């Protein structure tokens, strides 16, 4: 843009043309950051629930009979069925 073109533009239009690309870039970065935060929080919650299930299994493993024995409550089997199906 040369001086005549800039002079013909209103201040509002000049500010819009200068600031809009930066605002769009910042907005896109904010959306991406929010999405990453949400995905990280969901993954952390899912990992904590799986860790709890593993700790529960570990507490119920025994080798007293000479073999490996595991007692799992019905709720634990239901949990694994849900996670295996991707729910």
PDB file of N, CA and C in Angstrom:
ATOM      1  N   UNK A   1       0.844  -1.175   0.000  1.00  0.00           N
ATOM      2  CA  UNK A   1       0.000   0.000   0.000  1.00  0.00           C
ATOM      3  C   UNK A   1       0.892   1.242   0.000  1.00  0.00           C
ATOM      4  N   UNK A   2       0.569   2.155  -0.837  1.00  0.00           N
ATOM      5  CA  UNK A   2       1.343   3.388  -0.835  1.00  0.00           C
ATOM      6  C   UNK A   2       0.622   4.450  -0.005  1.00  0.00           C
ATOM      7  N   UNK A   3       1.219   5.615   0.099  1.00  0.00           N
ATOM      8  CA  UNK A   3       0.706   6.660   0.987  1.00  0.00           C
ATOM      9  C   UNK A   3      -0.684   7.118   0.585  1.00  0.00           C
ATOM     10  N   UNK A   4      -0.973   7.218  -0.704  1.00  0.00           N
ATOM     11  CA  UNK A   4      -2.289   7.677  -1.156  1.00  0.00           C
ATOM     12  C   UNK A   4      -3.352   6.665  -0.746  1.00  0.00           C
ATOM     13  N   UNK A   5      -3.043   5.392  -0.880  1.00  0.00           N
ATOM     14  CA  UNK A   5      -4.006   4.362  -0.506  1.00  0.00           C
ATOM     15  C   UNK A   5      -4.223   4.374   1.006  1.00  0.00           C
ATOM     16  N   UNK A   6      -3.155   4.499   1.785  1.00  0.00           N
ATOM     17  CA  UNK A   6      -3.286   4.541   3.239  1.00  0.00           C
ATOM     18  C   UNK A   6      -4.053   5.779   3.694  1.00  0.00           C
ATOM     19  N   UNK A   7      -3.817   6.875   3.013  1.00  0.00           N
ATOM     20  CA  UNK A   7      -4.495   8.109   3.372  1.00  0.00           C
ATOM     21  C   UNK A   7      -5.992   8.005   3.101  1.00  0.00           C
ATOM     22  N   UNK A   8      -6.375   7.260   2.079  1.00  0.00           N
ATOM     23  CA  UNK A   8      -7.780   7.125   1.711  1.00  0.00           C
ATOM     24  C   UNK A   8      -8.525   6.189   2.670  1.00  0.00           C
ATOM     25  N   UNK A   9      -7.803   5.323   3.361  1.00  0.00           N
ATOM     26  CA  UNK A   9      -8.454   4.402   4.294  1.00  0.00           C
ATOM     27  C   UNK A   9      -8.809   5.117   5.594  1.00  0.00           C
ATOM     28  N   UNK A  10      -9.926   4.750   6.144  1.00  0.00           N
ATOM     29  CA  UNK A  10     -10.285   5.322   7.438  1.00  0.00           C
ATOM     30  C   UNK A  10      -9.425   4.663   8.517  1.00  0.00           C
ATOM     31  N   UNK A  11      -9.360   5.296   9.659  1.00  0.00           N
ATOM     32  CA  UNK A  11      -8.572   4.767  10.771  1.00  0.00           C
ATOM     33  C   UNK A  11      -9.119   3.410  11.214  1.00  0.00           C
ATOM     34  N   UNK A  12     -10.427   3.292  11.233  1.00  0.00           N
ATOM     35  CA  UNK A  12     -11.056   2.028  11.631  1.00  0.00           C
ATOM     36  C   UNK A  12     -10.660   0.899  10.680  1.00  0.00           C
ATOM     37  N   UNK A  13     -10.722   1.149   9.409  1.00  0.00           N
ATOM     38  CA  UNK A  13     -10.376   0.129   8.422  1.00  0.00           C
ATOM     39  C   UNK A  13      -8.885  -0.198   8.484  1.00  0.00           C
ATOM     40  N   UNK A  14      -8.057   0.805   8.693  1.00  0.00           N
ATOM     41  CA  UNK A  14      -6.616   0.590   8.791  1.00  0.00           C
ATOM     42  C   UNK A  14      -6.284  -0.279  10.004  1.00  0.00           C
ATOM     43  N   UNK A  15      -6.912   0.011  11.151  1.00  0.00           N
ATOM     44  CA  UNK A  15      -6.692  -0.810  12.341  1.00  0.00           C
ATOM     45  C   UNK A  15      -7.207  -2.233  12.133  1.00  0.00           C
ATOM     46  N   UNK A  16      -8.339  -2.363  11.476  1.00  0.00           N
ATOM     47  CA  UNK A  16      -8.897  -3.687  11.210  1.00  0.00           C
ATOM     48  C   UNK A  16      -7.960  -4.505  10.332  1.00  0.00           C
ATOM     49  N   UNK A  17      -7.452  -3.892   9.290  1.00  0.00           N
ATOM     50  CA  UNK A  17      -6.536  -4.608   8.394  1.00  0.00           C
ATOM     51  C   UNK A  17      -5.215  -4.952   9.073  1.00  0.00           C
ATOM     52  N   UNK A  18      -4.787  -4.145  10.032  1.00  0.00           N
ATOM     53  CA  UNK A  18      -3.520  -4.405  10.710  1.00  0.00           C
ATOM     54  C   UNK A  18      -3.680  -5.422  11.833  1.00  0.00           C
ATOM     55  N   UNK A  19      -4.770  -5.349  12.575  1.00  0.00           N
ATOM     56  CA  UNK A  19      -4.913  -6.164  13.775  1.00  0.00           C
ATOM     57  C   UNK A  19      -5.650  -7.481  13.562  1.00  0.00           C
ATOM     58  N   UNK A  20      -6.477  -7.581  12.553  1.00  0.00           N
ATOM     59  CA  UNK A  20      -7.263  -8.786  12.340  1.00  0.00           C
ATOM     60  C   UNK A  20      -6.419 -10.044  12.160  1.00  0.00           C
ATOM     61  N   UNK A  21      -5.371 -10.031  11.349  1.00  0.00           N
ATOM     62  CA  UNK A  21      -4.562 -11.254  11.226  1.00  0.00           C
ATOM     63  C   UNK A  21      -3.940 -11.689  12.556  1.00  0.00           C
ATOM     64  N   UNK A  22      -3.469 -10.740  13.334  1.00  0.00           N
ATOM     65  CA  UNK A  22      -2.885 -11.081  14.633  1.00  0.00           C
ATOM     66  C   UNK A  22      -3.948 -11.627  15.573  1.00  0.00           C
ATOM     67  N   UNK A  23      -5.123 -11.049  15.565  1.00  0.00           N
ATOM     68  CA  UNK A  23      -6.204 -11.534  16.422  1.00  0.00           C
ATOM     69  C   UNK A  23      -6.631 -12.940  16.025  1.00  0.00           C
ATOM     70  N   UNK A  24      -6.697 -13.214  14.732  1.00  0.00           N
ATOM     71  CA  UNK A  24      -7.044 -14.553  14.266  1.00  0.00           C
ATOM     72  C   UNK A  24      -5.986 -15.571  14.674  1.00  0.00           C
ATOM     73  N   UNK A  25      -4.736 -15.193  14.591  1.00  0.00           N
ATOM     74  CA  UNK A  25      -3.651 -16.086  14.988  1.00  0.00           C
ATOM     75  C   UNK A  25      -3.702 -16.387  16.484  1.00  0.00           C
ATOM     76  N   UNK A  26      -3.900 -15.366  17.287  1.00  0.00           N
ATOM     77  CA  UNK A  26      -3.994 -15.563  18.742  1.00  0.00           C
ATOM     78  C   UNK A  26      -5.229 -16.401  19.080  1.00  0.00           C
ATOM     79  N   UNK A  27      -6.334 -16.158  18.422  1.00  0.00           N
ATOM     80  CA  UNK A  27      -7.548 -16.944  18.651  1.00  0.00           C
ATOM     81  C   UNK A  27      -7.344 -18.413  18.305  1.00  0.00           C
ATOM     82  N   UNK A  28      -6.687 -18.685  17.196  1.00  0.00           N
ATOM     83  CA  UNK A  28      -6.418 -20.073  16.807  1.00  0.00           C
ATOM     84  C   UNK A  28      -5.489 -20.744  17.815  1.00  0.00           C
ATOM     85  N   UNK A  29      -4.492 -20.004  18.300  1.00  0.00           N
ATOM     86  CA  UNK A  29      -3.578 -20.570  19.302  1.00  0.00           C
ATOM     87  C   UNK A  29      -4.327 -20.873  20.598  1.00  0.00           C
ATOM     88  N   UNK A  30      -5.257 -20.020  20.994  1.00  0.00           N
ATOM     89  CA  UNK A  30      -6.052 -20.245  22.200  1.00  0.00           C
ATOM     90  C   UNK A  30      -6.940 -21.477  22.053  1.00  0.00           C
ATOM     91  N   UNK A  31      -7.564 -21.632  20.902  1.00  0.00           N
ATOM     92  CA  UNK A  31      -8.413 -22.807  20.661  1.00  0.00           C
ATOM     93  C   UNK A  31      -7.569 -24.079  20.731  1.00  0.00           C
ATOM     94  N   UNK A  32      -6.404 -24.074  20.106  1.00  0.00           N
ATOM     95  CA  UNK A  32      -5.530 -25.248  20.132  1.00  0.00           C
ATOM     96  C   UNK A  32      -5.088 -25.558  21.566  1.00  0.00           C
ATOM     97  N   UNK A  33      -4.715 -24.537  22.322  1.00  0.00           N
ATOM     98  CA  UNK A  33      -4.265 -24.738  23.703  1.00  0.00           C
ATOM     99  C   UNK A  33      -5.394 -25.291  24.570  1.00  0.00           C
ATOM    100  N   UNK A  34      -6.608 -24.787  24.393  1.00  0.00           N
ATOM    101  CA  UNK A  34      -7.757 -25.287  25.143  1.00  0.00           C
ATOM    102  C   UNK A  34      -8.026 -26.745  24.811  1.00  0.00           C
ATOM    103  N   UNK A  35      -7.961 -27.093  23.540  1.00  0.00           N
ATOM    104  CA  UNK A  35      -8.173 -28.473  23.115  1.00  0.00           C
ATOM    105  C   UNK A  35      -7.117 -29.388  23.724  1.00  0.00           C
ATOM    106  N   UNK A  36      -5.845 -28.977  23.687  1.00  0.00           N
ATOM    107  CA  UNK A  36      -4.775 -29.797  24.269  1.00  0.00           C
ATOM    108  C   UNK A  36      -4.965 -29.979  25.774  1.00  0.00           C
ATOM    109  N   UNK A  37      -5.367 -28.940  26.470  1.00  0.00           N
ATOM    110  CA  UNK A  37      -5.604 -29.025  27.915  1.00  0.00           C
ATOM    111  C   UNK A  37      -6.732 -30.005  28.213  1.00  0.00           C
ATOM    112  N   UNK A  38      -7.809 -29.947  27.428  1.00  0.00           N
ATOM    113  CA  UNK A  38      -8.933 -30.865  27.629  1.00  0.00           C
ATOM    114  C   UNK A  38      -8.526 -32.309  27.361  1.00  0.00           C
ATOM    115  N   UNK A  39      -7.769 -32.547  26.302  1.00  0.00           N
ATOM    116  CA  UNK A  39      -7.322 -33.904  25.984  1.00  0.00           C
ATOM    117  C   UNK A  39      -6.383 -34.420  27.073  1.00  0.00           C
ATOM    118  N   UNK A  40      -5.477 -33.586  27.536  1.00  0.00           N
ATOM    119  CA  UNK A  40      -4.556 -34.002  28.605  1.00  0.00           C
ATOM    120  C   UNK A  40      -5.307 -34.337  29.890  1.00  0.00           C
ATOM    121  N   UNK A  41      -6.327 -33.545  30.234  1.00  0.00           N
ATOM    122  CA  UNK A  41      -7.113 -33.816  31.438  1.00  0.00           C
ATOM    123  C   UNK A  41      -7.884 -35.125  31.306  1.00  0.00           C
ATOM    124  N   UNK A  42      -8.466 -35.368  30.137  1.00  0.00           N
ATOM    125  CA  UNK A  42      -9.205 -36.624  29.922  1.00  0.00           C
ATOM    126  C   UNK A  42      -8.266 -37.821  29.987  1.00  0.00           C
ATOM    127  N   UNK A  43      -7.089 -37.701  29.386  1.00  0.00           N
ATOM    128  CA  UNK A  43      -6.128 -38.805  29.434  1.00  0.00           C
ATOM    129  C   UNK A  43      -5.640 -39.066  30.849  1.00  0.00           C
ATOM    130  N   UNK A  44      -5.420 -38.016  31.617  1.00  0.00           N
ATOM    131  CA  UNK A  44      -4.963 -38.186  33.004  1.00  0.00           C
ATOM    132  C   UNK A  44      -6.033 -38.884  33.842  1.00  0.00           C
ATOM    133  N   UNK A  45      -7.303 -38.512  33.653  1.00  0.00           N
ATOM    134  CA  UNK A  45      -8.390 -39.154  34.403  1.00  0.00           C
ATOM    135  C   UNK A  45      -8.499 -40.632  34.013  1.00  0.00           C
ATOM    136  N   UNK A  46      -8.391 -40.924  32.736  1.00  0.00           N
ATOM    137  CA  UNK A  46      -8.463 -42.308  32.263  1.00  0.00           C
ATOM    138  C   UNK A  46      -7.283 -43.121  32.803  1.00  0.00           C
ATOM    139  N   UNK A  47      -6.099 -42.538  32.787  1.00  0.00           N
ATOM    140  CA  UNK A  47      -4.917 -43.227  33.323  1.00  0.00           C
ATOM    141  C   UNK A  47      -5.063 -43.503  34.818  1.00  0.00           C
ATOM    142  N   UNK A  48      -5.623 -42.545  35.560  1.00  0.00           N
ATOM    143  CA  UNK A  48      -5.834 -42.751  37.003  1.00  0.00           C
ATOM    144  C   UNK A  48      -6.818 -43.879  37.252  1.00  0.00           C
ATOM    145  N   UNK A  49      -7.877 -43.960  36.450  1.00  0.00           N
ATOM    146  CA  UNK A  49      -8.855 -45.031  36.653  1.00  0.00           C
ATOM    147  C   UNK A  49      -8.251 -46.391  36.326  1.00  0.00           C
ATOM    148  N   UNK A  50      -7.429 -46.476  35.287  1.00  0.00           N
ATOM    149  CA  UNK A  50      -6.763 -47.742  34.973  1.00  0.00           C
ATOM    150  C   UNK A  50      -5.750 -48.113  36.048  1.00  0.00           C
ATOM    151  N   UNK A  51      -5.039 -47.128  36.586  1.00  0.00           N
ATOM    152  CA  UNK A  51      -4.089 -47.402  37.655  1.00  0.00           C
ATOM    153  C   UNK A  51      -4.805 -47.936  38.889  1.00  0.00           C
ATOM    154  N   UNK A  52      -5.962 -47.376  39.202  1.00  0.00           N
ATOM    155  CA  UNK A  52      -6.747 -47.880  40.323  1.00  0.00           C
ATOM    156  C   UNK A  52      -7.170 -49.322  40.110  1.00  0.00           C
ATOM    157  N   UNK A  53      -7.550 -49.655  38.879  1.00  0.00           N
ATOM    158  CA  UNK A  53      -7.942 -51.031  38.578  1.00  0.00           C
ATOM    159  C   UNK A  53      -6.757 -51.975  38.714  1.00  0.00           C
ATOM    160  N   UNK A  54      -5.602 -51.552  38.268  1.00  0.00           N
ATOM    161  CA  UNK A  54      -4.408 -52.391  38.368  1.00  0.00           C
ATOM    162  C   UNK A  54      -4.011 -52.589  39.827  1.00  0.00           C
ATOM    163  N   UNK A  55      -4.102 -51.544  40.633  1.00  0.00           N
ATOM    164  CA  UNK A  55      -3.786 -51.680  42.054  1.00  0.00           C
ATOM    165  C   UNK A  55      -4.759 -52.623  42.739  1.00  0.00           C
ATOM    166  N   UNK A  56      -6.027 -52.564  42.355  1.00  0.00           N
ATOM    167  CA  UNK A  56      -7.017 -53.469  42.923  1.00  0.00           C
ATOM    168  C   UNK A  56      -6.717 -54.916  42.539  1.00  0.00           C
ATOM    169  N   UNK A  57      -6.323 -55.129  41.301  1.00  0.00           N
ATOM    170  CA  UNK A  57      -5.944 -56.486  40.872  1.00  0.00           C
ATOM    171  C   UNK A  57      -4.716 -56.964  41.633  1.00  0.00           C
ATOM    172  N   UNK A  58      -3.746 -56.091  41.790  1.00  0.00           N
ATOM    173  CA  UNK A  58      -2.510 -56.453  42.478  1.00  0.00           C
ATOM    174  C   UNK A  58      -2.783 -56.884  43.915  1.00  0.00           C
ATOM    175  N   UNK A  59      -3.743 -56.243  44.551  1.00  0.00           N
ATOM    176  CA  UNK A  59      -4.077 -56.583  45.937  1.00  0.00           C
ATOM    177  C   UNK A  59      -4.761 -57.942  46.032  1.00  0.00           C
ATOM    178  N   UNK A  60      -5.342 -58.427  44.932  1.00  0.00           N
ATOM    179  CA  UNK A  60      -6.088 -59.683  44.955  1.00  0.00           C
ATOM    180  C   UNK A  60      -5.355 -60.839  44.282  1.00  0.00           C
ATOM    181  N   UNK A  61      -4.073 -60.693  43.976  1.00  0.00           N
ATOM    182  CA  UNK A  61      -3.291 -61.777  43.371  1.00  0.00           C
ATOM    183  C   UNK A  61      -2.658 -62.590  44.487  1.00  0.00           C
ATOM    184  N   UNK A  62      -2.753 -63.907  44.348  1.00  0.00           N
ATOM    185  CA  UNK A  62      -2.118 -64.769  45.358  1.00  0.00           C
ATOM    186  C   UNK A  62      -1.436 -65.946  44.663  1.00  0.00           C
ATOM    187  N   UNK A  63      -0.414 -66.440  45.320  1.00  0.00           N
ATOM    188  CA  UNK A  63       0.298 -67.634  44.843  1.00  0.00           C
ATOM    189  C   UNK A  63       0.305 -68.701  45.935  1.00  0.00           C
ATOM    190  N   UNK A  64      -0.658 -68.639  46.862  1.00  0.00           N
ATOM    191  CA  UNK A  64      -0.695 -69.536  48.014  1.00  0.00           C
ATOM    192  C   UNK A  64      -0.894 -70.989  47.610  1.00  0.00           C
ATOM    193  N   UNK A  65      -1.615 -71.261  46.548  1.00  0.00           N
ATOM    194  CA  UNK A  65      -1.909 -72.642  46.159  1.00  0.00           C
ATOM    195  C   UNK A  65      -0.840 -73.221  45.240  1.00  0.00           C
ATOM    196  N   UNK A  66       0.252 -72.559  45.071  1.00  0.00           N
ATOM    197  CA  UNK A  66       1.314 -73.027  44.191  1.00  0.00           C
ATOM    198  C   UNK A  66       1.157 -72.535  42.767  1.00  0.00           C
ATOM    199  N   UNK A  67       0.051 -71.957  42.451  1.00  0.00           N
ATOM    200  CA  UNK A  67      -0.196 -71.389  41.129  1.00  0.00           C
ATOM    201  C   UNK A  67      -0.562 -69.927  41.283  1.00  0.00           C
ATOM    202  N   UNK A  68      -0.964 -69.346  40.218  1.00  0.00           N
ATOM    203  CA  UNK A  68      -1.343 -67.930  40.244  1.00  0.00           C
ATOM    204  C   UNK A  68      -2.857 -67.841  40.348  1.00  0.00           C
ATOM    205  N   UNK A  69      -3.337 -67.141  41.353  1.00  0.00           N
ATOM    206  CA  UNK A  69      -4.770 -66.973  41.543  1.00  0.00           C
ATOM    207  C   UNK A  69      -5.122 -65.505  41.647  1.00  0.00           C
ATOM    208  N   UNK A  70      -6.216 -65.127  41.000  1.00  0.00           N
ATOM    209  CA  UNK A  70      -6.674 -63.736  41.037  1.00  0.00           C
ATOM    210  C   UNK A  70      -8.159 -63.737  41.348  1.00  0.00           C
ATOM    211  N   UNK A  71      -8.542 -62.997  42.355  1.00  0.00           N
ATOM    212  CA  UNK A  71      -9.955 -62.808  42.678  1.00  0.00           C
ATOM    213  C   UNK A  71     -10.336 -61.402  42.266  1.00  0.00           C
ATOM    214  N   UNK A  72     -11.208 -61.321  41.298  1.00  0.00           N
ATOM    215  CA  UNK A  72     -11.655 -60.005  40.842  1.00  0.00           C
ATOM    216  C   UNK A  72     -13.131 -59.845  41.153  1.00  0.00           C
ATOM    217  N   UNK A  73     -13.502 -58.751  41.775  1.00  0.00           N
ATOM    218  CA  UNK A  73     -14.930 -58.495  41.988  1.00  0.00           C
ATOM    219  C   UNK A  73     -15.629 -58.291  40.645  1.00  0.00           C
ATOM    220  N   UNK A  74     -16.927 -58.534  40.625  1.00  0.00           N
ATOM    221  CA  UNK A  74     -17.699 -58.390  39.396  1.00  0.00           C
ATOM    222  C   UNK A  74     -17.585 -56.971  38.834  1.00  0.00           C
ATOM    223  N   UNK A  75     -17.538 -55.970  39.679  1.00  0.00           N
ATOM    224  CA  UNK A  75     -17.433 -54.580  39.226  1.00  0.00           C
ATOM    225  C   UNK A  75     -16.145 -54.358  38.432  1.00  0.00           C
ATOM    226  N   UNK A  76     -15.077 -55.065  38.822  1.00  0.00           N
ATOM    227  CA  UNK A  76     -13.809 -54.913  38.115  1.00  0.00           C
ATOM    228  C   UNK A  76     -13.926 -55.486  36.702  1.00  0.00           C
ATOM    229  N   UNK A  77     -14.587 -56.631  36.566  1.00  0.00           N
ATOM    230  CA  UNK A  77     -14.780 -57.211  35.235  1.00  0.00           C
ATOM    231  C   UNK A  77     -15.634 -56.298  34.362  1.00  0.00           C
ATOM    232  N   UNK A  78     -16.637 -55.690  34.969  1.00  0.00           N
ATOM    233  CA  UNK A  78     -17.477 -54.744  34.238  1.00  0.00           C
ATOM    234  C   UNK A  78     -16.665 -53.536  33.765  1.00  0.00           C
ATOM    235  N   UNK A  79     -15.758 -53.055  34.606  1.00  0.00           N
ATOM    236  CA  UNK A  79     -14.894 -51.933  34.244  1.00  0.00           C
ATOM    237  C   UNK A  79     -14.023 -52.289  33.037  1.00  0.00           C
ATOM    238  N   UNK A  80     -13.425 -53.484  33.071  1.00  0.00           N
ATOM    239  CA  UNK A  80     -12.568 -53.884  31.955  1.00  0.00           C
ATOM    240  C   UNK A  80     -13.368 -54.087  30.675  1.00  0.00           C
ATOM    241  N   UNK A  81     -14.593 -54.555  30.790  1.00  0.00           N
ATOM    242  CA  UNK A  81     -15.434 -54.705  29.615  1.00  0.00           C
ATOM    243  C   UNK A  81     -15.725 -53.351  28.989  1.00  0.00           C
ATOM    244  N   UNK A  82     -16.003 -52.349  29.822  1.00  0.00           N
ATOM    245  CA  UNK A  82     -16.271 -51.003  29.305  1.00  0.00           C
ATOM    246  C   UNK A  82     -15.046 -50.411  28.627  1.00  0.00           C
ATOM    247  N   UNK A  83     -13.856 -50.597  29.251  1.00  0.00           N
ATOM    248  CA  UNK A  83     -12.659 -50.009  28.646  1.00  0.00           C
ATOM    249  C   UNK A  83     -12.254 -50.747  27.393  1.00  0.00           C
ATOM    250  N   UNK A  84     -12.517 -52.053  27.322  1.00  0.00           N
ATOM    251  CA  UNK A  84     -12.181 -52.809  26.116  1.00  0.00           C
ATOM    252  C   UNK A  84     -13.041 -52.368  24.937  1.00  0.00           C
ATOM    253  N   UNK A  85     -14.268 -51.930  25.219  1.00  0.00           N
ATOM    254  CA  UNK A  85     -15.164 -51.468  24.160  1.00  0.00           C
ATOM    255  C   UNK A  85     -14.933 -50.014  23.790  1.00  0.00           C
ATOM    256  N   UNK A  86     -14.028 -49.339  24.512  1.00  0.00           N
ATOM    257  CA  UNK A  86     -13.704 -47.955  24.191  1.00  0.00           C
ATOM    258  C   UNK A  86     -14.622 -46.942  24.836  1.00  0.00           C
ATOM    259  N   UNK A  87     -15.433 -47.332  25.815  1.00  0.00           N
ATOM    260  CA  UNK A  87     -16.347 -46.400  26.498  1.00  0.00           C
ATOM    261  C   UNK A  87     -15.626 -45.699  27.614  1.00  0.00           C
TER     262      UNK A  87
END
